[in-house]
Amino acid sequence: MAFVETSRDALKFGVTTVDNLFVTEYLPAAPDGYVRVYLYALFSAQHPALAEPTLERFAAALGMTAQQVLDAMHYWQRMGIAAPRDGEEEGFELLNIRTAMYADGSSERALSRYASLNARLAELTQKSFTPGERSRIYDWIECDHMTEDGVVAVFAYCVSKYGASRATMPRVAAVVRDCVQNRKLTGDEVRAHLEQFELVRSPCRAVLRHIGITRMPTLDEHRMYLKWRDSWGFSPQAILAACAELTKIREPNMAYLDRVLQSRREEGLTTAQAVERAAELEKADSALARRFGRALGAQVFKRELAAFPRRWLQSGMEEEAALLVCEDCAARGKHTFQEADEAMGRHIAKGQFTLQAVTQALLLQQTCEKVLAALGLDRALTDADERAVARYLSVFPQEVVLYGASLAREGKKPLAMLNAILMGWESEGVRTLEQAQKSSEKNRARFAGKQKKSPVQVQGERTFDPAELDNFTEEL
């Protein structure tokens, strides 16, 4: 016993010196618990009076098993900063860290042996490793029996997941530990294991469940989801909101959802609220196109066709009025939105926006067509025709006008003849079909006795010169 010693109580309040090289080079890459063992061993070595006499008591002081302590010391032995004490199976001594790193050449030998691996990792991570980190990597190969390709696969996974700057040794070590525990040691085994791990945890599963698919996502589907979220900037809520679009198809699938999100991205809509609003607008457009398409008897109800009725309604047309125009077009064999657009344009140009106005216009149009048919004229209806027939209808019932047209059919200028006949009836006070028929019979009888007079002269004994008939024709 020395003449003077430090008391045990004093030692407890003393200081244990830890080399900075241990903190910078060895501590970051050390497995969980191994640093505690080294620090307690360092404390015991620097203060023998407080050291535990046996392995069991050393382990108990740390709350560990004896085997866990031995595993840790063997690890530090492999790192080159601990060594077995001569003649003792469970005794160790700590070595000088500077000597271990720079004097014995072990680091240089390891660098040479794993030169190819080091080059691959340096290219992958874009950084250099400390001696402690390199020792940890070599330990995965020599002690855990992972292949070099397996180690590279783990680093590649961490770099792709976190980025090169954030693929730290603790994160890499955690993945290595999981692979070793599952006996996935080669490159192919590691990659397959990590792909499956990603698919199990993939947020894409929530999307599949949302659209009624219970299976695991494929790797392509998982990568597609990552593209939507990380590259295109969609929030998870926005992606789920876009799933509402899949109700349009018989079998919802991720490929269709990809097209929906691409369309939303081109529109600059990446939030859940924006996607939901766009879906609502598209739903309304689809309903609008379908409603007007049914009125037209159309075969196609594409959402894009809603641009036609939306424009009609924005111009001031009442919806029921616009639907009536479409029904009229369908009755005429015109079933496309483009054909309906032409007809709608004519009503809008005339200021016919209400259901009443359109109904009256269509009735007039139908009457005009009947009049032209009765006159034997096979041509398109003109605005002048409509104005003339409207004037006739303001005086006579439709049946009287049609009867007059049947009489004027054989004339050289049927419209002028009709105008003359109706003017004659108007002067006579004819208003009903029966009166018109009697007038016509009377005039035919008179005509039979007056062969020198034309039918127009006989009608009401009123004469019309050729110039006047030409004026009628020009007006009509």
Protein backbone atom coordinates (compact mmCIF):
# COMPACT_ATOMS: atom_id res chain seq x y z
CA MET A 1 0.00 0.00 0.00
CA ALA A 2 1.30 3.40 -0.92
CA PHE A 3 2.32 5.89 1.77
CA VAL A 4 -0.49 8.24 0.60
CA GLU A 5 -3.59 7.29 -1.41
CA THR A 6 -6.69 9.10 -2.64
CA SER A 7 -9.76 8.06 -0.71
CA ARG A 8 -12.56 6.24 -2.50
CA ASP A 9 -14.96 9.11 -1.84
CA ALA A 10 -12.50 11.56 -3.37
CA LEU A 11 -12.12 9.37 -6.44
CA LYS A 12 -15.85 9.44 -7.03
CA PHE A 13 -15.63 13.19 -7.50
CA GLY A 14 -12.54 12.98 -9.69
CA VAL A 15 -12.21 13.06 -13.49
CA THR A 16 -11.82 10.28 -16.06
CA THR A 17 -9.90 11.38 -19.12
CA VAL A 18 -11.42 10.41 -22.50
CA ASP A 19 -9.26 10.92 -25.57
CA ASN A 20 -10.91 13.23 -28.10
CA LEU A 21 -10.01 10.77 -30.87
CA PHE A 22 -12.34 8.26 -29.25
CA VAL A 23 -15.20 10.76 -29.35
CA THR A 24 -14.59 11.79 -32.97
CA GLU A 25 -13.43 8.54 -34.55
CA TYR A 26 -14.96 5.65 -32.61
CA LEU A 27 -18.00 6.78 -30.65
CA PRO A 28 -20.29 7.78 -33.62
CA ALA A 29 -20.15 4.35 -35.25
CA ALA A 30 -20.22 2.20 -32.10
CA PRO A 31 -23.20 -0.11 -31.50
CA ASP A 32 -25.67 0.68 -28.76
CA GLY A 33 -24.26 -0.05 -25.28
CA TYR A 34 -20.68 -0.58 -26.44
CA VAL A 35 -19.68 3.01 -25.59
CA ARG A 36 -20.96 2.53 -22.02
CA VAL A 37 -18.76 -0.54 -21.64
CA TYR A 38 -15.68 1.28 -22.96
CA LEU A 39 -16.20 4.34 -20.74
CA TYR A 40 -16.69 2.18 -17.65
CA ALA A 41 -13.59 0.16 -18.57
CA LEU A 42 -11.68 3.42 -19.03
CA PHE A 43 -12.91 4.60 -15.63
CA SER A 44 -11.81 1.29 -14.05
CA ALA A 45 -8.39 1.44 -15.72
CA GLN A 46 -7.72 5.01 -14.57
CA HIS A 47 -9.05 4.41 -11.04
CA PRO A 48 -8.15 0.81 -10.02
CA ALA A 49 -9.34 1.36 -6.46
CA LEU A 50 -12.90 1.72 -7.78
CA ALA A 51 -12.68 -1.06 -10.40
CA GLU A 52 -14.95 -4.09 -10.15
CA PRO A 53 -12.94 -7.25 -9.44
CA THR A 54 -14.89 -9.66 -11.70
CA LEU A 55 -16.65 -9.68 -15.05
CA GLU A 56 -19.97 -10.44 -13.38
CA ARG A 57 -19.78 -7.48 -11.05
CA PHE A 58 -18.57 -5.25 -13.90
CA ALA A 59 -21.63 -6.30 -15.92
CA ALA A 60 -23.98 -5.89 -12.95
CA ALA A 61 -22.73 -2.35 -12.37
CA LEU A 62 -23.82 -1.49 -15.92
CA GLY A 63 -27.08 -3.43 -15.81
CA MET A 64 -25.85 -5.77 -18.53
CA THR A 65 -25.10 -9.47 -18.86
CA ALA A 66 -21.55 -10.79 -18.80
CA GLN A 67 -21.90 -11.87 -22.44
CA GLN A 68 -22.96 -8.39 -23.50
CA VAL A 69 -19.88 -6.94 -21.83
CA LEU A 70 -17.62 -9.52 -23.51
CA ASP A 71 -19.20 -8.77 -26.90
CA ALA A 72 -18.49 -5.10 -26.38
CA MET A 73 -14.87 -5.65 -25.35
CA HIS A 74 -14.31 -7.97 -28.30
CA TYR A 75 -15.68 -5.22 -30.52
CA TRP A 76 -13.18 -2.70 -29.08
CA GLN A 77 -10.53 -5.35 -29.55
CA ARG A 78 -11.42 -5.50 -33.25
CA MET A 79 -11.31 -1.71 -33.34
CA GLY A 80 -7.68 -1.98 -32.10
CA ILE A 81 -8.07 -0.03 -28.84
CA ALA A 82 -8.40 -3.03 -26.45
CA ALA A 83 -6.54 -6.33 -26.10
CA PRO A 84 -6.83 -9.51 -23.97
CA ARG A 85 -4.65 -9.50 -20.89
CA ASP A 86 -1.95 -12.20 -21.02
CA GLY A 87 -3.06 -15.46 -19.46
CA GLU A 88 -6.61 -14.31 -18.72
CA GLU A 89 -9.70 -15.41 -20.63
CA GLU A 90 -11.89 -12.57 -19.41
CA GLY A 91 -9.33 -9.86 -18.70
CA PHE A 92 -8.69 -6.92 -21.03
CA GLU A 93 -6.41 -3.94 -21.17
CA LEU A 94 -7.08 -0.69 -23.00
CA LEU A 95 -4.60 0.47 -25.60
CA ASN A 96 -3.50 3.96 -26.49
CA ILE A 97 -5.82 5.22 -29.24
CA ARG A 98 -3.09 7.18 -31.04
CA THR A 99 -0.94 4.08 -31.16
CA ALA A 100 -3.82 1.97 -32.45
CA MET A 101 -4.64 4.42 -35.18
CA TYR A 102 -1.22 5.49 -36.40
CA ALA A 103 1.45 3.08 -35.22
CA ASP A 104 0.53 -0.51 -35.87
CA GLY A 105 -0.50 -0.18 -39.52
CA SER A 106 -3.80 -2.01 -39.01
CA SER A 107 -5.77 0.86 -40.53
CA GLU A 108 -3.57 0.88 -43.62
CA ARG A 109 -3.95 -2.89 -44.04
CA ALA A 110 -7.72 -2.63 -43.76
CA LEU A 111 -7.80 0.26 -46.22
CA SER A 112 -5.86 -1.84 -48.71
CA ARG A 113 -8.06 -4.92 -48.24
CA TYR A 114 -11.27 -2.97 -48.68
CA ALA A 115 -10.05 -0.47 -51.24
CA SER A 116 -12.78 -1.36 -53.75
CA LEU A 117 -15.50 -1.14 -51.10
CA ASN A 118 -14.19 2.20 -49.85
CA ALA A 119 -14.21 3.62 -53.37
CA ARG A 120 -17.80 2.50 -53.97
CA LEU A 121 -19.00 3.97 -50.68
CA ALA A 122 -17.14 7.24 -51.23
CA GLU A 123 -18.77 7.64 -54.67
CA LEU A 124 -22.19 6.74 -53.29
CA THR A 125 -22.13 8.95 -50.18
CA GLN A 126 -19.86 11.72 -51.49
CA LYS A 127 -17.96 11.80 -48.18
CA SER A 128 -14.92 10.27 -46.48
CA PHE A 129 -15.22 8.05 -43.41
CA THR A 130 -13.33 8.34 -40.15
CA PRO A 131 -11.16 5.41 -39.01
CA GLY A 132 -13.82 4.50 -36.46
CA GLU A 133 -16.56 4.50 -39.09
CA ARG A 134 -14.44 2.40 -41.44
CA SER A 135 -13.73 -0.06 -38.65
CA ARG A 136 -17.46 -0.33 -37.98
CA ILE A 137 -18.14 -1.03 -41.66
CA TYR A 138 -15.43 -3.71 -41.80
CA ASP A 139 -16.90 -5.23 -38.63
CA TRP A 140 -20.23 -5.78 -40.43
CA ILE A 141 -18.33 -7.84 -42.98
CA GLU A 142 -15.92 -9.72 -40.72
CA CYS A 143 -18.15 -10.29 -37.70
CA ASP A 144 -21.71 -10.12 -39.00
CA HIS A 145 -20.80 -11.85 -42.29
CA MET A 146 -22.50 -9.33 -44.55
CA THR A 147 -21.04 -9.20 -48.05
CA GLU A 148 -19.48 -6.04 -49.45
CA ASP A 149 -22.34 -5.79 -51.95
CA GLY A 150 -24.79 -6.11 -49.05
CA VAL A 151 -23.12 -3.19 -47.27
CA VAL A 152 -23.26 -1.10 -50.43
CA ALA A 153 -26.95 -1.99 -50.84
CA VAL A 154 -27.69 -0.71 -47.32
CA PHE A 155 -25.85 2.57 -47.96
CA ALA A 156 -27.63 2.97 -51.30
CA TYR A 157 -30.98 2.50 -49.59
CA CYS A 158 -30.21 5.07 -46.91
CA VAL A 159 -28.92 7.60 -49.45
CA SER A 160 -32.05 7.22 -51.59
CA LYS A 161 -34.31 7.48 -48.54
CA TYR A 162 -32.63 10.29 -46.60
CA GLY A 163 -30.21 11.91 -49.03
CA ALA A 164 -26.41 11.62 -48.95
CA SER A 165 -25.93 14.27 -46.26
CA ARG A 166 -28.43 12.64 -43.90
CA ALA A 167 -27.44 9.02 -44.46
CA THR A 168 -25.59 8.98 -41.14
CA MET A 169 -23.82 5.99 -39.63
CA PRO A 170 -26.47 5.47 -36.91
CA ARG A 171 -29.15 5.23 -39.60
CA VAL A 172 -27.05 2.90 -41.71
CA ALA A 173 -26.20 0.80 -38.66
CA ALA A 174 -29.89 0.44 -37.77
CA VAL A 175 -30.66 -0.90 -41.24
CA VAL A 176 -27.65 -3.25 -41.11
CA ARG A 177 -28.83 -4.57 -37.75
CA ASP A 178 -32.28 -5.30 -39.17
CA CYS A 179 -30.79 -7.11 -42.20
CA VAL A 180 -28.42 -9.18 -40.05
CA GLN A 181 -31.24 -10.16 -37.70
CA ASN A 182 -33.29 -11.32 -40.69
CA ARG A 183 -30.25 -13.10 -42.23
CA LYS A 184 -30.28 -10.90 -45.33
CA LEU A 185 -26.56 -10.57 -46.03
CA THR A 186 -25.93 -10.47 -49.78
CA GLY A 187 -26.69 -7.54 -52.04
CA ASP A 188 -29.69 -9.21 -53.68
CA GLU A 189 -31.05 -10.35 -50.32
CA VAL A 190 -30.66 -6.90 -48.80
CA ARG A 191 -32.29 -5.13 -51.73
CA ALA A 192 -35.25 -7.54 -51.81
CA HIS A 193 -35.66 -7.27 -48.04
CA LEU A 194 -35.58 -3.48 -48.04
CA GLU A 195 -37.98 -3.25 -50.99
CA GLN A 196 -40.44 -5.44 -49.12
CA PHE A 197 -39.88 -3.37 -45.99
CA GLU A 198 -40.69 -0.20 -47.90
CA LEU A 199 -43.83 -1.71 -49.41
CA VAL A 200 -45.12 -2.83 -46.02
CA ARG A 201 -44.68 0.70 -44.68
CA SER A 202 -45.60 2.43 -47.94
CA PRO A 203 -48.15 5.27 -47.69
CA CYS A 204 -49.41 3.95 -51.01
CA ARG A 205 -51.31 1.29 -49.04
CA ALA A 206 -53.68 3.98 -47.79
CA VAL A 207 -54.47 4.94 -51.39
CA LEU A 208 -55.13 1.34 -52.40
CA ARG A 209 -57.43 0.83 -49.43
CA HIS A 210 -59.21 4.10 -50.29
CA ILE A 211 -60.11 2.78 -53.74
CA GLY A 212 -61.05 -0.67 -52.48
CA ILE A 213 -57.86 -2.64 -53.19
CA THR A 214 -56.65 -4.71 -50.23
CA ARG A 215 -53.45 -6.17 -51.62
CA MET A 216 -49.93 -4.89 -50.99
CA PRO A 217 -48.71 -2.18 -53.38
CA THR A 218 -46.27 -3.17 -56.07
CA LEU A 219 -42.87 -1.53 -56.22
CA ASP A 220 -43.98 0.47 -59.28
CA GLU A 221 -47.06 1.71 -57.41
CA HIS A 222 -44.93 2.66 -54.42
CA ARG A 223 -42.54 4.62 -56.63
CA MET A 224 -45.50 6.25 -58.37
CA TYR A 225 -46.78 7.47 -55.00
CA LEU A 226 -43.36 8.86 -54.09
CA LYS A 227 -43.34 10.71 -57.42
CA TRP A 228 -46.71 12.31 -56.64
CA ARG A 229 -45.65 13.31 -53.15
CA ASP A 230 -41.97 14.18 -53.45
CA SER A 231 -41.55 15.28 -57.07
CA TRP A 232 -44.96 16.70 -57.95
CA GLY A 233 -45.64 18.20 -54.52
CA PHE A 234 -49.04 16.68 -53.73
CA SER A 235 -49.92 16.34 -50.08
CA PRO A 236 -51.15 12.90 -48.91
CA GLN A 237 -54.59 14.46 -48.37
CA ALA A 238 -54.61 15.80 -51.94
CA ILE A 239 -53.75 12.36 -53.32
CA LEU A 240 -56.63 10.80 -51.40
CA ALA A 241 -58.95 13.58 -52.54
CA ALA A 242 -58.07 12.84 -56.17
CA CYS A 243 -59.25 9.25 -55.67
CA ALA A 244 -62.82 10.55 -56.01
CA GLU A 245 -62.16 10.77 -59.76
CA LEU A 246 -61.80 6.98 -59.92
CA THR A 247 -65.54 6.52 -59.39
CA LYS A 248 -65.90 7.32 -63.09
CA ILE A 249 -64.31 4.05 -64.18
CA ARG A 250 -65.38 0.47 -63.67
CA GLU A 251 -62.12 -0.78 -62.15
CA PRO A 252 -60.21 1.91 -60.21
CA ASN A 253 -56.45 1.69 -60.68
CA MET A 254 -53.29 3.63 -59.94
CA ALA A 255 -52.53 4.34 -63.60
CA TYR A 256 -55.78 6.29 -63.98
CA LEU A 257 -55.07 8.14 -60.72
CA ASP A 258 -51.64 9.04 -62.11
CA ARG A 259 -53.30 10.69 -65.13
CA VAL A 260 -55.72 12.56 -62.86
CA LEU A 261 -52.89 13.92 -60.72
CA GLN A 262 -50.83 14.84 -63.77
CA SER A 263 -53.79 16.89 -65.01
CA ARG A 264 -54.15 18.57 -61.61
CA ARG A 265 -50.43 19.30 -61.53
CA GLU A 266 -50.60 20.98 -64.95
CA GLU A 267 -53.43 23.11 -63.54
CA GLY A 268 -51.29 24.01 -60.51
CA LEU A 269 -53.67 22.26 -58.08
CA THR A 270 -51.73 20.31 -55.45
CA THR A 271 -53.59 20.89 -52.19
CA ALA A 272 -56.50 18.79 -50.97
CA GLN A 273 -58.87 21.77 -51.12
CA ALA A 274 -57.88 22.62 -54.70
CA VAL A 275 -58.18 19.00 -55.85
CA GLU A 276 -61.57 18.61 -54.18
CA ARG A 277 -62.82 21.85 -55.72
CA ALA A 278 -61.64 20.76 -59.17
CA ALA A 279 -63.37 17.41 -58.71
CA GLU A 280 -66.61 19.18 -57.77
CA LEU A 281 -66.39 21.40 -60.85
CA GLU A 282 -65.69 18.44 -63.10
CA LYS A 283 -68.59 16.55 -61.55
CA ALA A 284 -70.86 19.52 -62.24
CA ASP A 285 -69.51 19.77 -65.81
CA SER A 286 -70.11 16.06 -66.39
CA ALA A 287 -73.69 16.38 -65.12
CA LEU A 288 -74.22 19.41 -67.36
CA ALA A 289 -72.83 17.65 -70.44
CA ARG A 290 -74.94 14.58 -69.70
CA ARG A 291 -78.14 16.59 -69.17
CA PHE A 292 -77.79 18.49 -72.46
CA GLY A 293 -76.44 15.42 -74.23
CA ARG A 294 -79.57 13.46 -73.36
CA ALA A 295 -81.71 16.32 -74.73
CA LEU A 296 -79.69 16.11 -77.96
CA GLY A 297 -79.83 12.34 -78.10
CA ALA A 298 -76.03 12.41 -78.27
CA GLN A 299 -73.92 9.28 -77.97
CA VAL A 300 -70.98 10.94 -76.21
CA PHE A 301 -71.11 12.80 -72.88
CA LYS A 302 -67.51 13.91 -72.45
CA ARG A 303 -66.98 16.44 -69.66
CA GLU A 304 -65.22 18.81 -72.06
CA LEU A 305 -68.51 19.24 -73.96
CA ALA A 306 -69.92 21.09 -70.94
CA ALA A 307 -68.12 24.16 -72.34
CA PHE A 308 -70.99 24.53 -74.84
CA PRO A 309 -73.96 24.65 -72.42
CA ARG A 310 -71.90 26.62 -69.90
CA ARG A 311 -71.33 29.29 -72.59
CA TRP A 312 -75.00 29.28 -73.52
CA LEU A 313 -76.08 29.77 -69.93
CA GLN A 314 -73.47 32.46 -69.34
CA SER A 315 -74.84 34.38 -72.33
CA GLY A 316 -78.21 34.65 -70.53
CA MET A 317 -80.12 31.65 -71.88
CA GLU A 318 -82.44 30.02 -69.37
CA GLU A 319 -81.51 26.37 -68.89
CA GLU A 320 -85.01 25.12 -69.79
CA ALA A 321 -84.95 27.28 -72.91
CA ALA A 322 -81.55 25.91 -73.96
CA LEU A 323 -82.73 22.33 -73.34
CA LEU A 324 -85.76 22.98 -75.56
CA VAL A 325 -83.48 24.14 -78.38
CA CYS A 326 -81.45 20.93 -78.00
CA GLU A 327 -84.60 18.80 -78.11
CA ASP A 328 -85.67 20.59 -81.27
CA CYS A 329 -82.24 19.93 -82.82
CA ALA A 330 -82.55 16.23 -81.94
CA ALA A 331 -85.98 16.10 -83.59
CA ARG A 332 -84.33 17.48 -86.74
CA GLY A 333 -81.63 14.80 -86.69
CA LYS A 334 -78.93 17.09 -85.29
CA HIS A 335 -77.35 15.37 -82.31
CA THR A 336 -73.98 17.06 -81.80
CA PHE A 337 -73.15 19.94 -79.49
CA GLN A 338 -71.62 21.79 -82.44
CA GLU A 339 -74.91 21.66 -84.37
CA ALA A 340 -76.85 22.75 -81.27
CA ASP A 341 -74.38 25.61 -80.83
CA GLU A 342 -75.31 26.99 -84.27
CA ALA A 343 -79.02 26.86 -83.47
CA MET A 344 -78.48 28.37 -80.03
CA GLY A 345 -76.48 31.21 -81.58
CA ARG A 346 -79.45 32.21 -83.73
CA HIS A 347 -81.76 32.43 -80.71
CA ILE A 348 -79.19 34.39 -78.70
CA ALA A 349 -78.66 36.83 -81.59
CA LYS A 350 -82.42 37.49 -81.67
CA GLY A 351 -82.56 38.03 -77.90
CA GLN A 352 -84.63 34.88 -77.32
CA PHE A 353 -83.41 33.84 -73.85
CA THR A 354 -86.53 32.72 -71.98
CA LEU A 355 -88.48 29.49 -72.30
CA GLN A 356 -91.51 31.44 -73.53
CA ALA A 357 -89.52 33.30 -76.19
CA VAL A 358 -87.82 30.14 -77.46
CA THR A 359 -91.10 28.21 -77.47
CA GLN A 360 -92.77 30.90 -79.58
CA ALA A 361 -89.76 31.08 -81.91
CA LEU A 362 -89.74 27.32 -82.45
CA LEU A 363 -93.49 27.25 -83.07
CA LEU A 364 -93.08 30.01 -85.65
CA GLN A 365 -90.17 28.15 -87.21
CA GLN A 366 -92.21 24.96 -87.47
CA THR A 367 -95.12 26.85 -89.02
CA CYS A 368 -92.77 28.50 -91.53
CA GLU A 369 -91.41 25.12 -92.52
CA LYS A 370 -94.95 23.83 -93.04
CA VAL A 371 -95.76 26.88 -95.16
CA LEU A 372 -92.67 26.39 -97.34
CA ALA A 373 -93.52 22.71 -97.73
CA ALA A 374 -97.10 23.60 -98.70
CA LEU A 375 -95.71 26.06 -101.25
CA GLY A 376 -93.45 23.32 -102.63
CA LEU A 377 -90.28 25.23 -101.78
CA ASP A 378 -87.34 23.02 -100.78
CA ARG A 379 -84.86 25.44 -99.27
CA ALA A 380 -83.56 26.68 -95.93
CA LEU A 381 -85.71 28.99 -93.89
CA THR A 382 -84.74 32.67 -93.86
CA ASP A 383 -85.41 35.48 -91.41
CA ALA A 384 -87.59 37.14 -94.10
CA ASP A 385 -89.72 33.99 -94.27
CA GLU A 386 -90.24 34.11 -90.51
CA ARG A 387 -91.15 37.80 -90.56
CA ALA A 388 -93.70 37.26 -93.34
CA VAL A 389 -95.32 34.22 -91.73
CA ALA A 390 -95.42 36.02 -88.37
CA ARG A 391 -97.30 38.84 -90.08
CA TYR A 392 -99.75 36.36 -91.63
CA LEU A 393 -100.33 34.65 -88.29
CA SER A 394 -101.11 38.00 -86.69
CA VAL A 395 -104.23 38.07 -88.91
CA PHE A 396 -105.08 34.44 -89.77
CA PRO A 397 -105.01 31.09 -87.97
CA GLN A 398 -102.30 28.69 -89.09
CA GLU A 399 -104.75 26.48 -90.99
CA VAL A 400 -105.87 29.42 -93.13
CA VAL A 401 -102.26 30.35 -94.02
CA LEU A 402 -101.49 26.73 -94.96
CA TYR A 403 -104.63 26.54 -97.07
CA GLY A 404 -103.59 29.70 -98.87
CA ALA A 405 -100.11 28.21 -99.44
CA SER A 406 -101.67 25.13 -101.03
CA LEU A 407 -103.54 27.40 -103.46
CA ALA A 408 -100.40 29.41 -104.31
CA ARG A 409 -98.23 26.31 -104.84
CA GLU A 410 -98.76 26.25 -108.64
CA GLY A 411 -97.84 29.90 -109.14
CA LYS A 412 -94.57 30.97 -110.72
CA LYS A 413 -93.79 32.96 -107.61
CA PRO A 414 -95.51 31.00 -104.84
CA LEU A 415 -94.61 33.37 -102.00
CA ALA A 416 -95.87 36.43 -103.92
CA MET A 417 -99.01 34.53 -104.85
CA LEU A 418 -99.59 33.56 -101.20
CA ASN A 419 -99.13 37.15 -100.13
CA ALA A 420 -101.69 38.30 -102.70
CA ILE A 421 -104.21 35.65 -101.69
CA LEU A 422 -103.94 36.51 -98.03
CA MET A 423 -104.19 40.24 -98.71
CA GLY A 424 -107.38 39.57 -100.64
CA TRP A 425 -108.85 37.50 -97.84
CA GLU A 426 -107.91 40.14 -95.34
CA SER A 427 -109.79 42.79 -97.35
CA GLU A 428 -112.79 40.46 -97.56
CA GLY A 429 -112.79 39.92 -93.81
CA VAL A 430 -111.94 36.21 -94.13
CA ARG A 431 -110.64 34.78 -90.82
CA THR A 432 -111.58 31.11 -90.64
CA LEU A 433 -110.73 28.12 -92.82
CA GLU A 434 -114.38 27.69 -93.77
CA GLN A 435 -114.57 31.31 -94.91
CA ALA A 436 -111.34 30.91 -96.89
CA GLN A 437 -112.62 27.79 -98.61
CA LYS A 438 -115.91 29.49 -99.55
CA SER A 439 -114.05 32.51 -100.87
CA SER A 440 -111.79 30.28 -102.93
CA GLU A 441 -114.74 28.34 -104.40
CA LYS A 442 -116.56 31.57 -105.21
CA ASN A 443 -113.50 32.98 -106.89
CA ARG A 444 -112.99 29.81 -108.92
CA ALA A 445 -116.59 29.99 -110.11
CA ARG A 446 -116.21 33.60 -111.07
CA PHE A 447 -112.94 32.80 -112.75
CA ALA A 448 -114.63 30.17 -114.85
CA GLY A 449 -116.95 32.83 -116.22
CA LYS A 450 -114.26 35.43 -116.68
CA GLN A 451 -111.49 33.62 -118.55
CA LYS A 452 -109.82 36.88 -119.43
CA LYS A 453 -109.05 37.67 -115.80
CA SER A 454 -106.20 36.09 -113.92
CA PRO A 455 -106.88 34.23 -110.62
CA VAL A 456 -105.15 37.02 -108.78
CA GLN A 457 -107.43 39.66 -110.39
CA VAL A 458 -110.51 37.65 -109.60
CA GLN A 459 -109.56 37.21 -105.95
CA GLY A 460 -111.57 39.97 -104.23
CA GLU A 461 -111.79 41.79 -107.55
CA ARG A 462 -108.50 43.37 -106.59
CA THR A 463 -105.79 43.71 -109.21
CA PHE A 464 -102.03 43.41 -108.72
CA ASP A 465 -99.58 44.52 -111.37
CA PRO A 466 -96.32 42.56 -111.98
CA ALA A 467 -94.21 45.25 -110.31
CA GLU A 468 -96.24 44.90 -107.10
CA LEU A 469 -95.79 41.12 -107.10
CA ASP A 470 -92.05 41.60 -107.59
CA ASN A 471 -92.08 43.89 -104.52
CA PHE A 472 -93.78 41.15 -102.53
CA THR A 473 -91.10 38.71 -103.60
CA GLU A 474 -88.28 41.07 -102.62
CA GLU A 475 -89.86 41.70 -99.21
CA LEU A 476 -90.25 37.97 -98.53
